[in-house]
PDB file of N, CA and C in Angstrom:
ATOM      1  N   UNK A   1      95.873  11.597  23.215  1.00  0.00           N
ATOM      2  CA  UNK A   1      94.712  11.678  22.357  1.00  0.00           C
ATOM      3  C   UNK A   1      94.635  13.091  21.780  1.00  0.00           C
ATOM      4  N   UNK A   2      94.517  13.203  20.495  1.00  0.00           N
ATOM      5  CA  UNK A   2      94.493  14.506  19.822  1.00  0.00           C
ATOM      6  C   UNK A   2      93.110  15.138  19.950  1.00  0.00           C
ATOM      7  N   UNK A   3      93.110  16.472  20.065  1.00  0.00           N
ATOM      8  CA  UNK A   3      91.851  17.204  20.140  1.00  0.00           C
ATOM      9  C   UNK A   3      91.319  17.423  18.731  1.00  0.00           C
ATOM     10  N   UNK A   4      90.017  17.446  18.623  1.00  0.00           N
ATOM     11  CA  UNK A   4      89.402  17.703  17.328  1.00  0.00           C
ATOM     12  C   UNK A   4      89.323  19.208  17.106  1.00  0.00           C
ATOM     13  N   UNK A   5      89.582  19.613  15.893  1.00  0.00           N
ATOM     14  CA  UNK A   5      89.517  21.037  15.549  1.00  0.00           C
ATOM     15  C   UNK A   5      88.072  21.520  15.624  1.00  0.00           C
ATOM     16  N   UNK A   6      87.858  22.699  16.180  1.00  0.00           N
ATOM     17  CA  UNK A   6      86.530  23.289  16.228  1.00  0.00           C
ATOM     18  C   UNK A   6      85.695  22.886  17.423  1.00  0.00           C
ATOM     19  N   UNK A   7      86.171  21.997  18.269  1.00  0.00           N
ATOM     20  CA  UNK A   7      85.380  21.556  19.411  1.00  0.00           C
ATOM     21  C   UNK A   7      85.952  22.025  20.734  1.00  0.00           C
ATOM     22  N   UNK A   8      86.969  22.863  20.683  1.00  0.00           N
ATOM     23  CA  UNK A   8      87.639  23.305  21.899  1.00  0.00           C
ATOM     24  C   UNK A   8      86.676  24.119  22.760  1.00  0.00           C
ATOM     25  N   UNK A   9      86.415  23.646  23.971  1.00  0.00           N
ATOM     26  CA  UNK A   9      85.589  24.381  24.910  1.00  0.00           C
ATOM     27  C   UNK A   9      84.106  24.391  24.594  1.00  0.00           C
ATOM     28  N   UNK A  10      83.666  23.463  23.774  1.00  0.00           N
ATOM     29  CA  UNK A  10      82.268  23.445  23.365  1.00  0.00           C
ATOM     30  C   UNK A  10      81.340  23.249  24.565  1.00  0.00           C
ATOM     31  N   UNK A  11      81.651  22.306  25.427  1.00  0.00           N
ATOM     32  CA  UNK A  11      80.802  22.031  26.577  1.00  0.00           C
ATOM     33  C   UNK A  11      80.803  23.200  27.557  1.00  0.00           C
ATOM     34  N   UNK A  12      81.990  23.717  27.864  1.00  0.00           N
ATOM     35  CA  UNK A  12      82.086  24.833  28.803  1.00  0.00           C
ATOM     36  C   UNK A  12      81.360  26.055  28.259  1.00  0.00           C
ATOM     37  N   UNK A  13      81.525  26.305  26.979  1.00  0.00           N
ATOM     38  CA  UNK A  13      80.854  27.458  26.363  1.00  0.00           C
ATOM     39  C   UNK A  13      79.340  27.290  26.405  1.00  0.00           C
ATOM     40  N   UNK A  14      78.869  26.077  26.182  1.00  0.00           N
ATOM     41  CA  UNK A  14      77.435  25.815  26.246  1.00  0.00           C
ATOM     42  C   UNK A  14      76.915  26.041  27.666  1.00  0.00           C
ATOM     43  N   UNK A  15      77.693  25.641  28.660  1.00  0.00           N
ATOM     44  CA  UNK A  15      77.301  25.855  30.059  1.00  0.00           C
ATOM     45  C   UNK A  15      77.243  27.355  30.345  1.00  0.00           C
ATOM     46  N   UNK A  16      78.256  28.097  29.888  1.00  0.00           N
ATOM     47  CA  UNK A  16      78.272  29.551  30.107  1.00  0.00           C
ATOM     48  C   UNK A  16      77.054  30.215  29.461  1.00  0.00           C
ATOM     49  N   UNK A  17      76.711  29.775  28.262  1.00  0.00           N
ATOM     50  CA  UNK A  17      75.550  30.338  27.575  1.00  0.00           C
ATOM     51  C   UNK A  17      74.266  30.076  28.360  1.00  0.00           C
ATOM     52  N   UNK A  18      74.142  28.879  28.909  1.00  0.00           N
ATOM     53  CA  UNK A  18      72.954  28.533  29.687  1.00  0.00           C
ATOM     54  C   UNK A  18      72.872  29.400  30.946  1.00  0.00           C
ATOM     55  N   UNK A  19      74.002  29.606  31.602  1.00  0.00           N
ATOM     56  CA  UNK A  19      74.019  30.421  32.813  1.00  0.00           C
ATOM     57  C   UNK A  19      73.643  31.859  32.474  1.00  0.00           C
ATOM     58  N   UNK A  20      74.195  32.379  31.376  1.00  0.00           N
ATOM     59  CA  UNK A  20      73.887  33.749  30.965  1.00  0.00           C
ATOM     60  C   UNK A  20      72.429  33.913  30.547  1.00  0.00           C
ATOM     61  N   UNK A  21      71.818  32.826  30.053  1.00  0.00           N
ATOM     62  CA  UNK A  21      70.417  32.901  29.636  1.00  0.00           C
ATOM     63  C   UNK A  21      69.458  32.859  30.821  1.00  0.00           C
ATOM     64  N   UNK A  22      69.983  32.594  32.020  1.00  0.00           N
ATOM     65  CA  UNK A  22      69.135  32.652  33.200  1.00  0.00           C
ATOM     66  C   UNK A  22      68.932  31.334  33.919  1.00  0.00           C
ATOM     67  N   UNK A  23      69.411  30.246  33.386  1.00  0.00           N
ATOM     68  CA  UNK A  23      69.274  28.944  34.054  1.00  0.00           C
ATOM     69  C   UNK A  23      70.373  28.866  35.109  1.00  0.00           C
ATOM     70  N   UNK A  24      69.989  28.708  36.365  1.00  0.00           N
ATOM     71  CA  UNK A  24      70.970  28.779  37.448  1.00  0.00           C
ATOM     72  C   UNK A  24      71.316  27.421  38.065  1.00  0.00           C
ATOM     73  N   UNK A  25      70.350  26.518  38.143  1.00  0.00           N
ATOM     74  CA  UNK A  25      70.578  25.237  38.804  1.00  0.00           C
ATOM     75  C   UNK A  25      71.392  24.301  37.920  1.00  0.00           C
ATOM     76  N   UNK A  26      72.463  23.716  38.478  1.00  0.00           N
ATOM     77  CA  UNK A  26      73.290  22.793  37.697  1.00  0.00           C
ATOM     78  C   UNK A  26      72.517  21.605  37.122  1.00  0.00           C
ATOM     79  N   UNK A  27      71.561  21.092  37.863  1.00  0.00           N
ATOM     80  CA  UNK A  27      70.783  19.951  37.362  1.00  0.00           C
ATOM     81  C   UNK A  27      69.949  20.363  36.148  1.00  0.00           C
ATOM     82  N   UNK A  28      69.377  21.581  36.188  1.00  0.00           N
ATOM     83  CA  UNK A  28      68.599  22.072  35.050  1.00  0.00           C
ATOM     84  C   UNK A  28      69.484  22.293  33.827  1.00  0.00           C
ATOM     85  N   UNK A  29      70.679  22.827  34.074  1.00  0.00           N
ATOM     86  CA  UNK A  29      71.623  23.058  32.981  1.00  0.00           C
ATOM     87  C   UNK A  29      72.001  21.733  32.333  1.00  0.00           C
ATOM     88  N   UNK A  30      72.285  20.736  33.167  1.00  0.00           N
ATOM     89  CA  UNK A  30      72.667  19.412  32.665  1.00  0.00           C
ATOM     90  C   UNK A  30      71.537  18.813  31.822  1.00  0.00           C
ATOM     91  N   UNK A  31      70.304  18.937  32.289  1.00  0.00           N
ATOM     92  CA  UNK A  31      69.150  18.390  31.581  1.00  0.00           C
ATOM     93  C   UNK A  31      68.945  19.079  30.234  1.00  0.00           C
ATOM     94  N   UNK A  32      69.010  20.419  30.230  1.00  0.00           N
ATOM     95  CA  UNK A  32      68.778  21.151  28.985  1.00  0.00           C
ATOM     96  C   UNK A  32      69.878  20.893  27.962  1.00  0.00           C
ATOM     97  N   UNK A  33      71.110  20.750  28.437  1.00  0.00           N
ATOM     98  CA  UNK A  33      72.203  20.439  27.502  1.00  0.00           C
ATOM     99  C   UNK A  33      72.071  19.017  26.966  1.00  0.00           C
ATOM    100  N   UNK A  34      71.580  18.102  27.796  1.00  0.00           N
ATOM    101  CA  UNK A  34      71.377  16.722  27.341  1.00  0.00           C
ATOM    102  C   UNK A  34      70.326  16.681  26.227  1.00  0.00           C
ATOM    103  N   UNK A  35      69.317  17.548  26.318  1.00  0.00           N
ATOM    104  CA  UNK A  35      68.306  17.628  25.264  1.00  0.00           C
ATOM    105  C   UNK A  35      68.922  18.088  23.939  1.00  0.00           C
ATOM    106  N   UNK A  36      69.974  18.899  24.025  1.00  0.00           N
ATOM    107  CA  UNK A  36      70.663  19.380  22.830  1.00  0.00           C
ATOM    108  C   UNK A  36      71.751  18.413  22.368  1.00  0.00           C
ATOM    109  N   UNK A  37      71.946  17.323  23.108  1.00  0.00           N
ATOM    110  CA  UNK A  37      72.924  16.313  22.713  1.00  0.00           C
ATOM    111  C   UNK A  37      74.311  16.534  23.303  1.00  0.00           C
ATOM    112  N   UNK A  38      74.414  17.378  24.300  1.00  0.00           N
ATOM    113  CA  UNK A  38      75.704  17.647  24.941  1.00  0.00           C
ATOM    114  C   UNK A  38      75.671  17.031  26.335  1.00  0.00           C
ATOM    115  N   UNK A  39      76.512  16.038  26.556  1.00  0.00           N
ATOM    116  CA  UNK A  39      76.556  15.352  27.844  1.00  0.00           C
ATOM    117  C   UNK A  39      77.587  16.013  28.751  1.00  0.00           C
ATOM    118  N   UNK A  40      77.149  16.529  29.898  1.00  0.00           N
ATOM    119  CA  UNK A  40      78.057  17.125  30.882  1.00  0.00           C
ATOM    120  C   UNK A  40      77.702  16.576  32.259  1.00  0.00           C
ATOM    121  N   UNK A  41      78.683  16.591  33.142  1.00  0.00           N
ATOM    122  CA  UNK A  41      78.409  16.167  34.510  1.00  0.00           C
ATOM    123  C   UNK A  41      78.009  17.376  35.338  1.00  0.00           C
ATOM    124  N   UNK A  42      77.329  17.109  36.426  1.00  0.00           N
ATOM    125  CA  UNK A  42      76.924  18.184  37.320  1.00  0.00           C
ATOM    126  C   UNK A  42      78.159  18.882  37.891  1.00  0.00           C
ATOM    127  N   UNK A  43      79.192  18.108  38.176  1.00  0.00           N
ATOM    128  CA  UNK A  43      80.426  18.682  38.707  1.00  0.00           C
ATOM    129  C   UNK A  43      81.052  19.660  37.705  1.00  0.00           C
ATOM    130  N   UNK A  44      80.985  19.349  36.426  1.00  0.00           N
ATOM    131  CA  UNK A  44      81.532  20.253  35.420  1.00  0.00           C
ATOM    132  C   UNK A  44      80.777  21.579  35.420  1.00  0.00           C
ATOM    133  N   UNK A  45      79.465  21.508  35.592  1.00  0.00           N
ATOM    134  CA  UNK A  45      78.658  22.732  35.644  1.00  0.00           C
ATOM    135  C   UNK A  45      79.081  23.574  36.845  1.00  0.00           C
ATOM    136  N   UNK A  46      79.244  22.933  37.993  1.00  0.00           N
ATOM    137  CA  UNK A  46      79.692  23.647  39.189  1.00  0.00           C
ATOM    138  C   UNK A  46      81.061  24.296  38.957  1.00  0.00           C
ATOM    139  N   UNK A  47      81.962  23.570  38.314  1.00  0.00           N
ATOM    140  CA  UNK A  47      83.310  24.083  38.065  1.00  0.00           C
ATOM    141  C   UNK A  47      83.275  25.299  37.148  1.00  0.00           C
ATOM    142  N   UNK A  48      82.509  25.223  36.075  1.00  0.00           N
ATOM    143  CA  UNK A  48      82.424  26.346  35.136  1.00  0.00           C
ATOM    144  C   UNK A  48      81.805  27.563  35.829  1.00  0.00           C
ATOM    145  N   UNK A  49      80.770  27.343  36.633  1.00  0.00           N
ATOM    146  CA  UNK A  49      80.137  28.453  37.360  1.00  0.00           C
ATOM    147  C   UNK A  49      81.139  29.103  38.314  1.00  0.00           C
ATOM    148  N   UNK A  50      81.911  28.289  39.017  1.00  0.00           N
ATOM    149  CA  UNK A  50      82.881  28.823  39.972  1.00  0.00           C
ATOM    150  C   UNK A  50      83.947  29.642  39.254  1.00  0.00           C
ATOM    151  N   UNK A  51      84.407  29.150  38.122  1.00  0.00           N
ATOM    152  CA  UNK A  51      85.433  29.888  37.381  1.00  0.00           C
ATOM    153  C   UNK A  51      84.886  31.188  36.816  1.00  0.00           C
ATOM    154  N   UNK A  52      83.621  31.200  36.425  1.00  0.00           N
ATOM    155  CA  UNK A  52      83.019  32.435  35.923  1.00  0.00           C
ATOM    156  C   UNK A  52      82.978  33.486  37.022  1.00  0.00           C
ATOM    157  N   UNK A  53      82.563  33.081  38.214  1.00  0.00           N
ATOM    158  CA  UNK A  53      82.478  34.056  39.306  1.00  0.00           C
ATOM    159  C   UNK A  53      83.861  34.462  39.776  1.00  0.00           C
ATOM    160  N   UNK A  54      84.836  33.568  39.694  1.00  0.00           N
ATOM    161  CA  UNK A  54      86.195  33.914  40.100  1.00  0.00           C
ATOM    162  C   UNK A  54      86.782  34.954  39.150  1.00  0.00           C
ATOM    163  N   UNK A  55      86.544  34.805  37.864  1.00  0.00           N
ATOM    164  CA  UNK A  55      87.027  35.792  36.893  1.00  0.00           C
ATOM    165  C   UNK A  55      86.390  37.145  37.147  1.00  0.00           C
ATOM    166  N   UNK A  56      85.085  37.110  37.425  1.00  0.00           N
ATOM    167  CA  UNK A  56      84.360  38.344  37.679  1.00  0.00           C
ATOM    168  C   UNK A  56      84.910  39.027  38.927  1.00  0.00           C
ATOM    169  N   UNK A  57      85.163  38.230  39.961  1.00  0.00           N
ATOM    170  CA  UNK A  57      85.700  38.777  41.209  1.00  0.00           C
ATOM    171  C   UNK A  57      87.091  39.362  40.995  1.00  0.00           C
ATOM    172  N   UNK A  58      87.914  38.670  40.243  1.00  0.00           N
ATOM    173  CA  UNK A  58      89.270  39.157  39.994  1.00  0.00           C
ATOM    174  C   UNK A  58      89.234  40.484  39.242  1.00  0.00           C
ATOM    175  N   UNK A  59      88.338  40.597  38.258  1.00  0.00           N
ATOM    176  CA  UNK A  59      88.216  41.859  37.516  1.00  0.00           C
ATOM    177  C   UNK A  59      87.746  42.981  38.441  1.00  0.00           C
ATOM    178  N   UNK A  60      86.784  42.664  39.298  1.00  0.00           N
ATOM    179  CA  UNK A  60      86.244  43.670  40.204  1.00  0.00           C
ATOM    180  C   UNK A  60      87.321  44.152  41.175  1.00  0.00           C
ATOM    181  N   UNK A  61      88.102  43.236  41.705  1.00  0.00           N
ATOM    182  CA  UNK A  61      89.177  43.598  42.632  1.00  0.00           C
ATOM    183  C   UNK A  61      90.217  44.460  41.945  1.00  0.00           C
ATOM    184  N   UNK A  62      90.584  44.109  40.726  1.00  0.00           N
ATOM    185  CA  UNK A  62      91.601  44.895  40.030  1.00  0.00           C
ATOM    186  C   UNK A  62      91.085  46.299  39.724  1.00  0.00           C
ATOM    187  N   UNK A  63      89.808  46.427  39.381  1.00  0.00           N
ATOM    188  CA  UNK A  63      89.240  47.765  39.151  1.00  0.00           C
ATOM    189  C   UNK A  63      89.250  48.581  40.432  1.00  0.00           C
ATOM    190  N   UNK A  64      88.903  47.963  41.558  1.00  0.00           N
ATOM    191  CA  UNK A  64      88.897  48.673  42.831  1.00  0.00           C
ATOM    192  C   UNK A  64      90.299  49.128  43.208  1.00  0.00           C
ATOM    193  N   UNK A  65      91.299  48.304  42.940  1.00  0.00           N
ATOM    194  CA  UNK A  65      92.677  48.686  43.231  1.00  0.00           C
ATOM    195  C   UNK A  65      93.107  49.855  42.359  1.00  0.00           C
ATOM    196  N   UNK A  66      92.723  49.839  41.078  1.00  0.00           N
ATOM    197  CA  UNK A  66      93.079  50.936  40.186  1.00  0.00           C
ATOM    198  C   UNK A  66      92.489  52.244  40.684  1.00  0.00           C
ATOM    199  N   UNK A  67      91.235  52.205  41.122  1.00  0.00           N
ATOM    200  CA  UNK A  67      90.579  53.408  41.623  1.00  0.00           C
ATOM    201  C   UNK A  67      91.261  53.876  42.907  1.00  0.00           C
ATOM    202  N   UNK A  68      91.573  52.944  43.791  1.00  0.00           N
ATOM    203  CA  UNK A  68      92.215  53.307  45.057  1.00  0.00           C
ATOM    204  C   UNK A  68      93.604  53.880  44.821  1.00  0.00           C
ATOM    205  N   UNK A  69      94.334  53.331  43.866  1.00  0.00           N
ATOM    206  CA  UNK A  69      95.684  53.811  43.590  1.00  0.00           C
ATOM    207  C   UNK A  69      95.685  55.197  42.976  1.00  0.00           C
ATOM    208  N   UNK A  70      94.670  55.501  42.178  1.00  0.00           N
ATOM    209  CA  UNK A  70      94.684  56.766  41.455  1.00  0.00           C
ATOM    210  C   UNK A  70      93.782  57.827  42.075  1.00  0.00           C
ATOM    211  N   UNK A  71      93.150  57.526  43.210  1.00  0.00           N
ATOM    212  CA  UNK A  71      92.157  58.452  43.745  1.00  0.00           C
ATOM    213  C   UNK A  71      92.749  59.685  44.408  1.00  0.00           C
ATOM    214  N   UNK A  72      93.949  59.606  44.929  1.00  0.00           N
ATOM    215  CA  UNK A  72      94.514  60.755  45.616  1.00  0.00           C
ATOM    216  C   UNK A  72      95.926  61.046  45.174  1.00  0.00           C
ATOM    217  N   UNK A  73      96.411  62.195  45.592  1.00  0.00           N
ATOM    218  CA  UNK A  73      97.787  62.524  45.227  1.00  0.00           C
ATOM    219  C   UNK A  73      98.770  61.622  45.970  1.00  0.00           C
ATOM    220  N   UNK A  74      99.941  61.412  45.429  1.00  0.00           N
ATOM    221  CA  UNK A  74     100.911  60.577  46.120  1.00  0.00           C
ATOM    222  C   UNK A  74     101.350  61.242  47.435  1.00  0.00           C
ATOM    223  N   UNK A  75     101.578  60.429  48.442  1.00  0.00           N
ATOM    224  CA  UNK A  75     101.962  60.947  49.750  1.00  0.00           C
ATOM    225  C   UNK A  75     103.421  61.379  49.720  1.00  0.00           C
ATOM    226  N   UNK A  76     103.630  62.586  50.180  1.00  0.00           N
ATOM    227  CA  UNK A  76     104.986  63.118  50.278  1.00  0.00           C
ATOM    228  C   UNK A  76     105.677  62.440  51.452  1.00  0.00           C
ATOM    229  N   UNK A  77     106.918  62.038  51.288  1.00  0.00           N
ATOM    230  CA  UNK A  77     107.631  61.315  52.344  1.00  0.00           C
ATOM    231  C   UNK A  77     107.846  62.189  53.575  1.00  0.00           C
ATOM    232  N   UNK A  78     108.026  63.483  53.365  1.00  0.00           N
ATOM    233  CA  UNK A  78     108.192  64.398  54.512  1.00  0.00           C
ATOM    234  C   UNK A  78     106.906  64.508  55.313  1.00  0.00           C
ATOM    235  N   UNK A  79     105.777  64.560  54.611  1.00  0.00           N
ATOM    236  CA  UNK A  79     104.485  64.626  55.292  1.00  0.00           C
ATOM    237  C   UNK A  79     104.260  63.363  56.112  1.00  0.00           C
ATOM    238  N   UNK A  80     104.608  62.246  55.547  1.00  0.00           N
ATOM    239  CA  UNK A  80     104.466  60.978  56.248  1.00  0.00           C
ATOM    240  C   UNK A  80     105.357  60.936  57.476  1.00  0.00           C
ATOM    241  N   UNK A  81     106.584  61.417  57.369  1.00  0.00           N
ATOM    242  CA  UNK A  81     107.512  61.443  58.509  1.00  0.00           C
ATOM    243  C   UNK A  81     106.971  62.347  59.614  1.00  0.00           C
ATOM    244  N   UNK A  82     106.434  63.521  59.250  1.00  0.00           N
ATOM    245  CA  UNK A  82     105.851  64.427  60.254  1.00  0.00           C
ATOM    246  C   UNK A  82     104.668  63.766  60.957  1.00  0.00           C
ATOM    247  N   UNK A  83     103.847  63.059  60.190  1.00  0.00           N
ATOM    248  CA  UNK A  83     102.697  62.379  60.770  1.00  0.00           C
ATOM    249  C   UNK A  83     103.144  61.315  61.780  1.00  0.00           C
ATOM    250  N   UNK A  84     104.132  60.528  61.414  1.00  0.00           N
ATOM    251  CA  UNK A  84     104.628  59.476  62.311  1.00  0.00           C
ATOM    252  C   UNK A  84     105.194  60.082  63.585  1.00  0.00           C
ATOM    253  N   UNK A  85     105.967  61.189  63.453  1.00  0.00           N
ATOM    254  CA  UNK A  85     106.517  61.860  64.643  1.00  0.00           C
ATOM    255  C   UNK A  85     105.406  62.379  65.540  1.00  0.00           C
ATOM    256  N   UNK A  86     104.359  62.947  64.952  1.00  0.00           N
ATOM    257  CA  UNK A  86     103.269  63.482  65.772  1.00  0.00           C
ATOM    258  C   UNK A  86     102.521  62.371  66.501  1.00  0.00           C
ATOM    259  N   UNK A  87     102.374  61.218  65.864  1.00  0.00           N
ATOM    260  CA  UNK A  87     101.731  60.081  66.535  1.00  0.00           C
ATOM    261  C   UNK A  87     102.573  59.639  67.730  1.00  0.00           C
ATOM    262  N   UNK A  88     103.896  59.601  67.563  1.00  0.00           N
ATOM    263  CA  UNK A  88     104.776  59.232  68.676  1.00  0.00           C
ATOM    264  C   UNK A  88     104.717  60.267  69.790  1.00  0.00           C
ATOM    265  N   UNK A  89     104.583  61.538  69.447  1.00  0.00           N
ATOM    266  CA  UNK A  89     104.541  62.607  70.452  1.00  0.00           C
ATOM    267  C   UNK A  89     103.305  62.531  71.331  1.00  0.00           C
ATOM    268  N   UNK A  90     102.165  62.099  70.770  1.00  0.00           N
ATOM    269  CA  UNK A  90     100.937  62.025  71.576  1.00  0.00           C
ATOM    270  C   UNK A  90     100.865  60.743  72.393  1.00  0.00           C
ATOM    271  N   UNK A  91     101.797  59.832  72.214  1.00  0.00           N
ATOM    272  CA  UNK A  91     101.817  58.633  73.050  1.00  0.00           C
ATOM    273  C   UNK A  91     101.536  57.348  72.301  1.00  0.00           C
ATOM    274  N   UNK A  92     101.635  57.361  71.001  1.00  0.00           N
ATOM    275  CA  UNK A  92     101.455  56.141  70.227  1.00  0.00           C
ATOM    276  C   UNK A  92     100.120  56.089  69.509  1.00  0.00           C
ATOM    277  N   UNK A  93      99.908  55.003  68.832  1.00  0.00           N
ATOM    278  CA  UNK A  93      98.725  54.835  67.998  1.00  0.00           C
ATOM    279  C   UNK A  93      97.418  54.803  68.796  1.00  0.00           C
ATOM    280  N   UNK A  94      97.366  54.097  69.940  1.00  0.00           N
ATOM    281  CA  UNK A  94      96.103  54.093  70.692  1.00  0.00           C
ATOM    282  C   UNK A  94      95.677  55.500  71.131  1.00  0.00           C
ATOM    283  N   UNK A  95      96.641  56.304  71.568  1.00  0.00           N
ATOM    284  CA  UNK A  95      96.324  57.672  71.990  1.00  0.00           C
ATOM    285  C   UNK A  95      95.889  58.520  70.799  1.00  0.00           C
ATOM    286  N   UNK A  96      96.547  58.341  69.670  1.00  0.00           N
ATOM    287  CA  UNK A  96      96.174  59.097  68.467  1.00  0.00           C
ATOM    288  C   UNK A  96      94.753  58.740  68.034  1.00  0.00           C
ATOM    289  N   UNK A  97      94.375  57.474  68.153  1.00  0.00           N
ATOM    290  CA  UNK A  97      93.015  57.058  67.804  1.00  0.00           C
ATOM    291  C   UNK A  97      91.994  57.692  68.733  1.00  0.00           C
ATOM    292  N   UNK A  98      92.328  57.756  70.041  1.00  0.00           N
ATOM    293  CA  UNK A  98      91.413  58.387  71.001  1.00  0.00           C
ATOM    294  C   UNK A  98      91.200  59.853  70.652  1.00  0.00           C
ATOM    295  N   UNK A  99      92.286  60.542  70.308  1.00  0.00           N
ATOM    296  CA  UNK A  99      92.184  61.953  69.947  1.00  0.00           C
ATOM    297  C   UNK A  99      91.321  62.132  68.707  1.00  0.00           C
ATOM    298  N   UNK A 100      91.530  61.289  67.697  1.00  0.00           N
ATOM    299  CA  UNK A 100      90.736  61.383  66.473  1.00  0.00           C
ATOM    300  C   UNK A 100      89.257  61.102  66.746  1.00  0.00           C
ATOM    301  N   UNK A 101      88.988  60.122  67.614  1.00  0.00           N
ATOM    302  CA  UNK A 101      87.609  59.798  67.961  1.00  0.00           C
ATOM    303  C   UNK A 101      86.933  60.977  68.650  1.00  0.00           C
ATOM    304  N   UNK A 102      87.684  61.643  69.564  1.00  0.00           N
ATOM    305  CA  UNK A 102      87.129  62.803  70.265  1.00  0.00           C
ATOM    306  C   UNK A 102      86.883  63.951  69.284  1.00  0.00           C
ATOM    307  N   UNK A 103      87.755  64.097  68.305  1.00  0.00           N
ATOM    308  CA  UNK A 103      87.583  65.168  67.320  1.00  0.00           C
ATOM    309  C   UNK A 103      86.372  64.924  66.425  1.00  0.00           C
ATOM    310  N   UNK A 104      86.070  63.666  66.159  1.00  0.00           N
ATOM    311  CA  UNK A 104      84.912  63.346  65.319  1.00  0.00           C
ATOM    312  C   UNK A 104      83.608  63.681  66.018  1.00  0.00           C
ATOM    313  N   UNK A 105      83.583  63.542  67.333  1.00  0.00           N
ATOM    314  CA  UNK A 105      82.359  63.795  68.107  1.00  0.00           C
ATOM    315  C   UNK A 105      82.166  65.250  68.265  1.00  0.00           C
TER     316      UNK A 105
END
């Protein structure tokens, strides 16, 4: 079945507009769209809402990763090797954690 030109995503876009305007309940969204002549199922409203929040979450995660990646200078491999050797010298990771905890207090 061929798609009609100009109608691509009309229902989903209408649902997004309703959500952005402040209507949160899927049943209310379905009712208000029906008044405008757009028939949608409650499940479709749930799906569009979930995809909107998933996109938002993905953007937020990628921004956090960018900040984390660029927040400090790159670790020198020699510094990392010295750190690993010092952890082994004190008796392993559990002992190193105890020492750090004591230093914080």
